C-alpha cells in the first residue's frame, strides 16, 4: 500500500539516496555523465537535510520510502519529486505531485511552479503544467543545468 508522510530530519539521508538513484537512472541522455555526477556529489549532511524543515514528503510502500516530493511555500514551488528506479512507471510520481498540489491549494496557493528537468517536461505537461522556454537552473552548489520553468494554476 502506498502512503505519503511528512519527512523528519532523520529522513535526510534516505531522501538524498532516493534523489541520487533517480537522477542517475532517469536523467541519462538528458544530461552528460559529468553533469549527473556533479549534480549528485556530496551527502545529505551537506545541506540536503535543511529541506526536511520545509513541506518535504516521503512516499512509502509498506513503510519503506520509495519517493520524495517538496512544496516550497515561499516560492510557490514544487520540487524534489524523485522515485526510486525500481518503482518508476507505477504512478508514484503522479501521486506525489497530486499530494503536493492538494496541499498547495489547502494552504491558499493559486498556482505553483517548478523547474522541470529535460527528461521530465512531458510528464509535467501531461499533469497540466505549461512552459516551453529553456532556462538554466542554478543549484545552491553552483552547478548549472538546463531546465524548463513550468507553472500550473490550481
N, C-alpha and C. Protein backbone atom coordinates (compact mmCIF):
# COMPACT_ATOMS: atom_id res chain seq x y z
N UNK A 1 0.84 -1.19 0.00
CA UNK A 1 0.00 0.00 0.00
C UNK A 1 0.89 1.25 0.00
N UNK A 2 0.54 2.22 -0.82
CA UNK A 2 1.32 3.45 -0.94
C UNK A 2 0.76 4.50 0.01
N UNK A 3 1.64 5.10 0.79
CA UNK A 3 1.27 6.18 1.72
C UNK A 3 2.29 7.30 1.60
N UNK A 4 1.84 8.51 1.86
CA UNK A 4 2.72 9.67 1.86
C UNK A 4 2.76 10.23 3.27
N UNK A 5 3.98 10.46 3.75
CA UNK A 5 4.14 11.02 5.10
C UNK A 5 5.14 12.17 5.07
N UNK A 6 4.99 13.04 6.04
CA UNK A 6 5.91 14.17 6.18
C UNK A 6 7.28 13.63 6.58
N UNK A 7 8.30 14.15 5.95
CA UNK A 7 9.67 13.74 6.27
C UNK A 7 10.10 14.37 7.59
N UNK A 8 10.99 13.69 8.27
CA UNK A 8 11.59 14.16 9.52
C UNK A 8 13.07 14.44 9.26
N UNK A 9 13.72 15.21 10.11
CA UNK A 9 15.15 15.46 9.91
C UNK A 9 15.96 14.17 9.76
N UNK A 10 15.56 13.12 10.45
CA UNK A 10 16.29 11.85 10.36
C UNK A 10 16.13 11.16 9.01
N UNK A 11 15.22 11.64 8.17
CA UNK A 11 14.99 11.07 6.84
C UNK A 11 15.90 11.66 5.77
N UNK A 12 16.74 12.61 6.12
CA UNK A 12 17.53 13.33 5.12
C UNK A 12 18.39 12.41 4.27
N UNK A 13 19.09 11.46 4.87
CA UNK A 13 19.96 10.58 4.08
C UNK A 13 19.14 9.69 3.16
N UNK A 14 18.02 9.18 3.64
CA UNK A 14 17.14 8.36 2.80
C UNK A 14 16.64 9.16 1.61
N UNK A 15 16.19 10.38 1.84
CA UNK A 15 15.69 11.24 0.77
C UNK A 15 16.82 11.56 -0.22
N UNK A 16 18.00 11.82 0.29
CA UNK A 16 19.16 12.11 -0.57
C UNK A 16 19.48 10.91 -1.45
N UNK A 17 19.42 9.71 -0.88
CA UNK A 17 19.73 8.49 -1.63
C UNK A 17 18.69 8.24 -2.73
N UNK A 18 17.41 8.49 -2.44
CA UNK A 18 16.37 8.35 -3.47
C UNK A 18 16.66 9.31 -4.62
N UNK A 19 16.98 10.55 -4.29
CA UNK A 19 17.31 11.57 -5.29
C UNK A 19 18.48 11.12 -6.15
N UNK A 20 19.55 10.67 -5.52
CA UNK A 20 20.75 10.24 -6.23
C UNK A 20 20.43 9.11 -7.21
N UNK A 21 19.74 8.09 -6.74
CA UNK A 21 19.43 6.95 -7.61
C UNK A 21 18.50 7.35 -8.76
N UNK A 22 17.51 8.19 -8.47
CA UNK A 22 16.57 8.62 -9.51
C UNK A 22 17.30 9.43 -10.59
N UNK A 23 18.14 10.35 -10.19
CA UNK A 23 18.86 11.18 -11.16
C UNK A 23 19.76 10.31 -12.03
N UNK A 24 20.52 9.44 -11.40
CA UNK A 24 21.48 8.63 -12.15
C UNK A 24 20.79 7.62 -13.06
N UNK A 25 19.56 7.28 -12.77
CA UNK A 25 18.83 6.33 -13.62
C UNK A 25 18.01 7.05 -14.69
N UNK A 26 17.29 8.08 -14.31
CA UNK A 26 16.30 8.71 -15.19
C UNK A 26 16.87 9.79 -16.10
N UNK A 27 17.96 10.40 -15.72
CA UNK A 27 18.46 11.55 -16.48
C UNK A 27 19.53 11.21 -17.50
N UNK A 28 19.80 9.93 -17.69
CA UNK A 28 20.76 9.51 -18.70
C UNK A 28 20.25 9.97 -20.07
N UNK A 29 21.10 10.62 -20.80
CA UNK A 29 20.72 11.10 -22.12
C UNK A 29 20.24 12.54 -22.12
N UNK A 30 19.61 12.97 -21.04
CA UNK A 30 19.16 14.37 -20.95
C UNK A 30 20.30 15.28 -20.51
N UNK A 31 21.23 14.70 -19.74
CA UNK A 31 22.38 15.44 -19.23
C UNK A 31 23.62 14.58 -19.42
N UNK A 32 24.77 15.20 -19.44
CA UNK A 32 26.01 14.45 -19.60
C UNK A 32 26.32 13.69 -18.31
N UNK A 33 27.16 12.69 -18.44
CA UNK A 33 27.60 11.93 -17.25
C UNK A 33 28.28 12.85 -16.25
N UNK A 34 29.04 13.81 -16.75
CA UNK A 34 29.74 14.75 -15.86
C UNK A 34 28.74 15.61 -15.09
N UNK A 35 27.69 16.07 -15.79
CA UNK A 35 26.68 16.88 -15.11
C UNK A 35 25.96 16.06 -14.04
N UNK A 36 25.62 14.82 -14.38
CA UNK A 36 24.91 13.98 -13.40
C UNK A 36 25.77 13.69 -12.18
N UNK A 37 27.05 13.45 -12.40
CA UNK A 37 27.93 13.20 -11.26
C UNK A 37 28.07 14.45 -10.39
N UNK A 38 28.23 15.61 -11.02
CA UNK A 38 28.33 16.85 -10.26
C UNK A 38 27.03 17.14 -9.51
N UNK A 39 25.90 16.80 -10.12
CA UNK A 39 24.58 17.03 -9.53
C UNK A 39 24.36 16.15 -8.31
N UNK A 40 24.97 14.97 -8.29
CA UNK A 40 24.71 14.02 -7.22
C UNK A 40 25.88 13.87 -6.26
N UNK A 41 26.89 14.71 -6.39
CA UNK A 41 28.03 14.63 -5.48
C UNK A 41 27.60 15.12 -4.09
N UNK A 42 28.35 14.72 -3.09
CA UNK A 42 28.08 15.18 -1.73
C UNK A 42 27.27 14.19 -0.93
N UNK A 43 26.73 14.69 0.17
CA UNK A 43 25.96 13.85 1.08
C UNK A 43 24.84 14.68 1.70
N UNK A 44 23.91 14.02 2.30
CA UNK A 44 22.78 14.71 2.92
C UNK A 44 23.25 15.73 3.95
N UNK A 45 24.32 15.43 4.64
CA UNK A 45 24.82 16.34 5.68
C UNK A 45 25.34 17.65 5.12
N UNK A 46 25.50 17.73 3.80
CA UNK A 46 26.00 18.95 3.16
C UNK A 46 24.89 19.98 2.91
N UNK A 47 23.76 19.84 3.57
CA UNK A 47 22.70 20.83 3.43
C UNK A 47 21.38 20.27 2.97
N UNK A 48 21.37 19.05 2.45
CA UNK A 48 20.10 18.48 1.98
C UNK A 48 19.13 18.32 3.14
N UNK A 49 19.64 18.06 4.31
CA UNK A 49 18.80 17.90 5.49
C UNK A 49 17.97 19.12 5.82
N UNK A 50 18.44 20.31 5.42
CA UNK A 50 17.68 21.54 5.68
C UNK A 50 16.33 21.52 4.98
N UNK A 51 16.25 20.79 3.86
CA UNK A 51 14.98 20.71 3.14
C UNK A 51 13.91 20.00 3.94
N UNK A 52 14.30 19.15 4.87
CA UNK A 52 13.33 18.40 5.67
C UNK A 52 12.48 19.34 6.52
N UNK A 53 12.96 20.56 6.73
CA UNK A 53 12.22 21.55 7.51
C UNK A 53 11.07 22.16 6.72
N UNK A 54 11.12 22.03 5.40
CA UNK A 54 10.04 22.55 4.55
C UNK A 54 8.93 21.51 4.49
N UNK A 55 7.98 21.69 3.59
CA UNK A 55 6.94 20.69 3.39
C UNK A 55 7.53 19.59 2.52
N UNK A 56 8.36 18.74 3.12
CA UNK A 56 9.05 17.67 2.41
C UNK A 56 8.38 16.35 2.79
N UNK A 57 8.11 15.51 1.77
CA UNK A 57 7.35 14.28 1.99
C UNK A 57 8.06 13.08 1.41
N UNK A 58 7.78 11.94 2.01
CA UNK A 58 8.25 10.67 1.51
C UNK A 58 7.05 9.84 1.10
N UNK A 59 7.14 9.22 -0.06
CA UNK A 59 6.14 8.25 -0.49
C UNK A 59 6.66 6.88 -0.12
N UNK A 60 5.84 6.12 0.60
CA UNK A 60 6.30 4.83 1.13
C UNK A 60 5.40 3.68 0.68
N UNK A 61 6.01 2.55 0.44
CA UNK A 61 5.29 1.31 0.19
C UNK A 61 5.64 0.37 1.32
N UNK A 62 4.62 -0.06 2.03
CA UNK A 62 4.80 -0.92 3.21
C UNK A 62 5.82 -0.32 4.17
N UNK A 63 5.74 1.00 4.34
CA UNK A 63 6.59 1.71 5.28
C UNK A 63 7.97 2.07 4.78
N UNK A 64 8.36 1.57 3.62
CA UNK A 64 9.68 1.86 3.07
C UNK A 64 9.63 3.02 2.08
N UNK A 65 10.43 4.07 2.29
CA UNK A 65 10.43 5.21 1.38
C UNK A 65 10.90 4.82 -0.03
N UNK A 66 10.12 5.24 -1.04
CA UNK A 66 10.46 4.97 -2.43
C UNK A 66 10.40 6.23 -3.29
N UNK A 67 9.92 7.35 -2.71
CA UNK A 67 9.76 8.59 -3.47
C UNK A 67 9.85 9.79 -2.54
N UNK A 68 10.16 10.94 -3.14
CA UNK A 68 10.19 12.18 -2.38
C UNK A 68 9.44 13.27 -3.14
N UNK A 69 9.08 14.32 -2.42
CA UNK A 69 8.48 15.49 -3.03
C UNK A 69 8.45 16.62 -2.02
N UNK A 70 8.48 17.86 -2.51
CA UNK A 70 8.56 19.01 -1.62
C UNK A 70 7.72 20.16 -2.14
N UNK A 71 7.14 20.91 -1.23
CA UNK A 71 6.45 22.16 -1.55
C UNK A 71 7.16 23.28 -0.82
N UNK A 72 7.70 24.21 -1.58
CA UNK A 72 8.37 25.39 -1.03
C UNK A 72 7.36 26.53 -1.06
N UNK A 73 6.76 26.81 0.09
CA UNK A 73 5.70 27.83 0.16
C UNK A 73 6.22 29.22 -0.17
N UNK A 74 7.45 29.52 0.23
CA UNK A 74 8.00 30.86 -0.01
C UNK A 74 8.05 31.20 -1.50
N UNK A 75 8.25 30.18 -2.33
CA UNK A 75 8.38 30.40 -3.77
C UNK A 75 7.24 29.78 -4.58
N UNK A 76 6.22 29.26 -3.89
CA UNK A 76 5.10 28.56 -4.56
C UNK A 76 5.63 27.50 -5.52
N UNK A 77 6.65 26.79 -5.07
CA UNK A 77 7.37 25.88 -5.95
C UNK A 77 7.28 24.43 -5.49
N UNK A 78 7.03 23.55 -6.44
CA UNK A 78 7.08 22.11 -6.21
C UNK A 78 8.44 21.64 -6.67
N UNK A 79 9.04 20.74 -5.91
CA UNK A 79 10.35 20.25 -6.29
C UNK A 79 10.65 18.91 -5.65
N UNK A 80 11.84 18.43 -5.92
CA UNK A 80 12.37 17.20 -5.34
C UNK A 80 11.47 15.98 -5.56
N UNK A 81 10.78 15.94 -6.68
CA UNK A 81 9.98 14.74 -6.98
C UNK A 81 10.91 13.73 -7.62
N UNK A 82 11.24 12.74 -6.82
CA UNK A 82 12.14 11.66 -7.24
C UNK A 82 11.54 10.33 -6.82
N UNK A 83 11.70 9.32 -7.68
CA UNK A 83 11.19 7.98 -7.42
C UNK A 83 12.33 6.99 -7.63
N UNK A 84 12.47 6.05 -6.71
CA UNK A 84 13.49 5.02 -6.88
C UNK A 84 13.29 4.29 -8.22
N UNK A 85 14.37 3.97 -8.91
CA UNK A 85 14.25 3.33 -10.22
C UNK A 85 13.34 2.10 -10.25
N UNK A 86 13.40 1.26 -9.26
CA UNK A 86 12.57 0.05 -9.25
C UNK A 86 11.09 0.31 -9.10
N UNK A 87 10.71 1.55 -8.82
CA UNK A 87 9.30 1.90 -8.60
C UNK A 87 8.79 2.92 -9.62
N UNK A 88 9.63 3.24 -10.61
CA UNK A 88 9.22 4.19 -11.65
C UNK A 88 8.16 3.54 -12.54
N UNK A 89 7.39 4.38 -13.22
CA UNK A 89 6.36 3.94 -14.17
C UNK A 89 5.20 3.20 -13.48
N UNK A 90 4.97 3.52 -12.19
CA UNK A 90 3.87 2.91 -11.45
C UNK A 90 2.88 3.96 -10.93
N UNK A 91 3.03 5.20 -11.38
CA UNK A 91 2.13 6.26 -10.96
C UNK A 91 2.50 6.91 -9.64
N UNK A 92 3.64 6.57 -9.09
CA UNK A 92 4.05 7.09 -7.78
C UNK A 92 4.40 8.58 -7.88
N UNK A 93 5.09 8.97 -8.93
CA UNK A 93 5.41 10.40 -9.11
C UNK A 93 4.15 11.22 -9.25
N UNK A 94 3.17 10.71 -9.98
CA UNK A 94 1.89 11.40 -10.14
C UNK A 94 1.16 11.52 -8.80
N UNK A 95 1.19 10.48 -8.00
CA UNK A 95 0.55 10.53 -6.68
C UNK A 95 1.22 11.58 -5.79
N UNK A 96 2.56 11.63 -5.85
CA UNK A 96 3.27 12.63 -5.04
C UNK A 96 2.94 14.03 -5.53
N UNK A 97 2.94 14.24 -6.84
CA UNK A 97 2.62 15.55 -7.40
C UNK A 97 1.20 15.96 -7.01
N UNK A 98 0.26 15.06 -7.11
CA UNK A 98 -1.14 15.35 -6.74
C UNK A 98 -1.24 15.73 -5.27
N UNK A 99 -0.51 15.01 -4.43
CA UNK A 99 -0.50 15.32 -3.00
C UNK A 99 0.00 16.74 -2.74
N UNK A 100 1.09 17.11 -3.42
CA UNK A 100 1.66 18.45 -3.23
C UNK A 100 0.74 19.54 -3.77
N UNK A 101 0.07 19.27 -4.88
CA UNK A 101 -0.88 20.24 -5.43
C UNK A 101 -2.06 20.43 -4.48
N UNK A 102 -2.57 19.35 -3.90
CA UNK A 102 -3.68 19.46 -2.93
C UNK A 102 -3.23 20.26 -1.71
N UNK A 103 -2.03 19.99 -1.23
CA UNK A 103 -1.50 20.72 -0.09
C UNK A 103 -1.38 22.21 -0.43
N UNK A 104 -0.89 22.51 -1.62
CA UNK A 104 -0.74 23.90 -2.04
C UNK A 104 -2.10 24.60 -2.04
N UNK A 105 -3.11 23.93 -2.57
CA UNK A 105 -4.47 24.50 -2.57
C UNK A 105 -4.96 24.75 -1.14
N UNK A 106 -4.77 23.76 -0.28
CA UNK A 106 -5.21 23.89 1.12
C UNK A 106 -4.52 25.06 1.82
N UNK A 107 -3.29 25.33 1.44
CA UNK A 107 -2.51 26.41 2.05
C UNK A 107 -2.72 27.75 1.36
N UNK A 108 -3.65 27.77 0.38
CA UNK A 108 -4.05 29.03 -0.22
C UNK A 108 -3.31 29.45 -1.48
N UNK A 109 -2.47 28.60 -2.01
CA UNK A 109 -1.78 28.98 -3.24
C UNK A 109 -2.74 28.87 -4.42
N UNK A 110 -2.64 29.80 -5.34
CA UNK A 110 -3.48 29.81 -6.54
C UNK A 110 -2.77 29.18 -7.73
N UNK A 111 -1.45 29.07 -7.65
CA UNK A 111 -0.65 28.48 -8.72
C UNK A 111 0.64 27.95 -8.11
N UNK A 112 1.26 27.02 -8.81
CA UNK A 112 2.57 26.50 -8.40
C UNK A 112 3.48 26.51 -9.62
N UNK A 113 4.76 26.52 -9.36
CA UNK A 113 5.73 26.47 -10.44
C UNK A 113 6.81 25.45 -10.11
N UNK A 114 7.60 25.13 -11.10
CA UNK A 114 8.71 24.20 -10.92
C UNK A 114 9.70 24.38 -12.05
N UNK A 115 10.90 23.89 -11.84
CA UNK A 115 11.91 23.84 -12.89
C UNK A 115 12.03 22.38 -13.30
N UNK A 116 11.44 22.03 -14.43
CA UNK A 116 11.45 20.64 -14.89
C UNK A 116 12.79 20.27 -15.49
N UNK A 117 13.29 19.11 -15.13
CA UNK A 117 14.46 18.59 -15.81
C UNK A 117 14.05 18.25 -17.24
N UNK A 118 15.03 18.19 -18.11
CA UNK A 118 14.73 17.97 -19.53
C UNK A 118 14.00 16.65 -19.77
N UNK A 119 14.27 15.66 -18.96
CA UNK A 119 13.62 14.36 -19.12
C UNK A 119 12.22 14.32 -18.52
N UNK A 120 11.83 15.33 -17.76
CA UNK A 120 10.54 15.30 -17.06
C UNK A 120 9.50 16.27 -17.63
N UNK A 121 9.85 17.05 -18.65
CA UNK A 121 8.90 18.05 -19.14
C UNK A 121 7.61 17.43 -19.66
N UNK A 122 7.70 16.32 -20.37
CA UNK A 122 6.48 15.68 -20.90
C UNK A 122 5.57 15.22 -19.76
N UNK A 123 6.15 14.67 -18.71
CA UNK A 123 5.36 14.25 -17.54
C UNK A 123 4.59 15.44 -16.97
N UNK A 124 5.27 16.54 -16.76
CA UNK A 124 4.61 17.71 -16.17
C UNK A 124 3.56 18.30 -17.11
N UNK A 125 3.82 18.28 -18.40
CA UNK A 125 2.81 18.75 -19.36
C UNK A 125 1.54 17.89 -19.26
N UNK A 126 1.71 16.57 -19.18
CA UNK A 126 0.55 15.68 -19.04
C UNK A 126 -0.22 15.97 -17.75
N UNK A 127 0.46 16.55 -16.77
CA UNK A 127 -0.16 16.87 -15.49
C UNK A 127 -0.71 18.29 -15.44
N UNK A 128 -0.71 18.98 -16.57
CA UNK A 128 -1.31 20.30 -16.65
C UNK A 128 -0.37 21.49 -16.50
N UNK A 129 0.91 21.25 -16.40
CA UNK A 129 1.87 22.36 -16.31
C UNK A 129 2.15 22.90 -17.71
N UNK A 130 2.40 24.20 -17.77
CA UNK A 130 2.73 24.83 -19.04
C UNK A 130 4.08 25.52 -18.93
N UNK A 131 4.78 25.56 -20.06
CA UNK A 131 6.08 26.18 -20.14
C UNK A 131 6.91 25.47 -21.18
N UNK A 132 7.55 26.25 -22.05
CA UNK A 132 8.35 25.66 -23.12
C UNK A 132 9.75 26.27 -23.23
N UNK A 133 9.94 27.41 -22.62
CA UNK A 133 11.20 28.14 -22.81
C UNK A 133 12.32 27.52 -21.98
N UNK A 134 13.40 27.11 -22.63
CA UNK A 134 14.53 26.57 -21.87
C UNK A 134 15.17 27.66 -21.02
N UNK A 135 15.72 27.22 -19.91
CA UNK A 135 16.40 28.13 -18.99
C UNK A 135 17.55 27.36 -18.33
N UNK A 136 18.22 28.02 -17.43
CA UNK A 136 19.31 27.38 -16.69
C UNK A 136 18.96 27.41 -15.21
N UNK A 137 18.97 26.23 -14.61
CA UNK A 137 18.76 26.11 -13.17
C UNK A 137 20.10 26.29 -12.48
N UNK A 138 20.13 27.16 -11.48
CA UNK A 138 21.35 27.41 -10.72
C UNK A 138 21.21 26.75 -9.35
N UNK A 139 21.87 25.62 -9.18
CA UNK A 139 21.79 24.88 -7.92
C UNK A 139 22.58 25.61 -6.84
N UNK A 140 22.19 25.42 -5.58
CA UNK A 140 22.94 26.05 -4.48
C UNK A 140 24.42 25.68 -4.50
N UNK A 141 24.74 24.52 -5.05
CA UNK A 141 26.14 24.07 -5.12
C UNK A 141 26.94 24.81 -6.17
N UNK A 142 26.26 25.59 -7.02
CA UNK A 142 26.92 26.28 -8.11
C UNK A 142 26.75 25.59 -9.45
N UNK A 143 26.26 24.37 -9.43
CA UNK A 143 26.02 23.64 -10.66
C UNK A 143 24.93 24.33 -11.48
N UNK A 144 25.10 24.35 -12.79
CA UNK A 144 24.11 24.92 -13.69
C UNK A 144 23.61 23.82 -14.63
N UNK A 145 22.29 23.66 -14.69
CA UNK A 145 21.68 22.63 -15.52
C UNK A 145 20.57 23.22 -16.37
N UNK A 146 20.45 22.74 -17.60
CA UNK A 146 19.32 23.15 -18.44
C UNK A 146 18.03 22.64 -17.81
N UNK A 147 16.99 23.46 -17.88
CA UNK A 147 15.68 23.09 -17.34
C UNK A 147 14.59 23.82 -18.14
N UNK A 148 13.36 23.53 -17.80
CA UNK A 148 12.23 24.21 -18.40
C UNK A 148 11.34 24.70 -17.26
N UNK A 149 11.31 26.00 -17.00
CA UNK A 149 10.41 26.53 -15.97
C UNK A 149 8.95 26.30 -16.42
N UNK A 150 8.14 25.80 -15.50
CA UNK A 150 6.76 25.48 -15.81
C UNK A 150 5.86 25.96 -14.67
N UNK A 151 4.59 26.18 -14.98
CA UNK A 151 3.64 26.66 -13.98
C UNK A 151 2.29 25.99 -14.19
N UNK A 152 1.51 25.99 -13.13
CA UNK A 152 0.14 25.43 -13.20
C UNK A 152 -0.75 26.20 -12.26
N UNK A 153 -1.89 26.62 -12.79
CA UNK A 153 -2.91 27.25 -11.95
C UNK A 153 -3.66 26.15 -11.22
N UNK A 154 -3.94 26.39 -9.95
CA UNK A 154 -4.61 25.37 -9.14
C UNK A 154 -6.10 25.62 -9.06
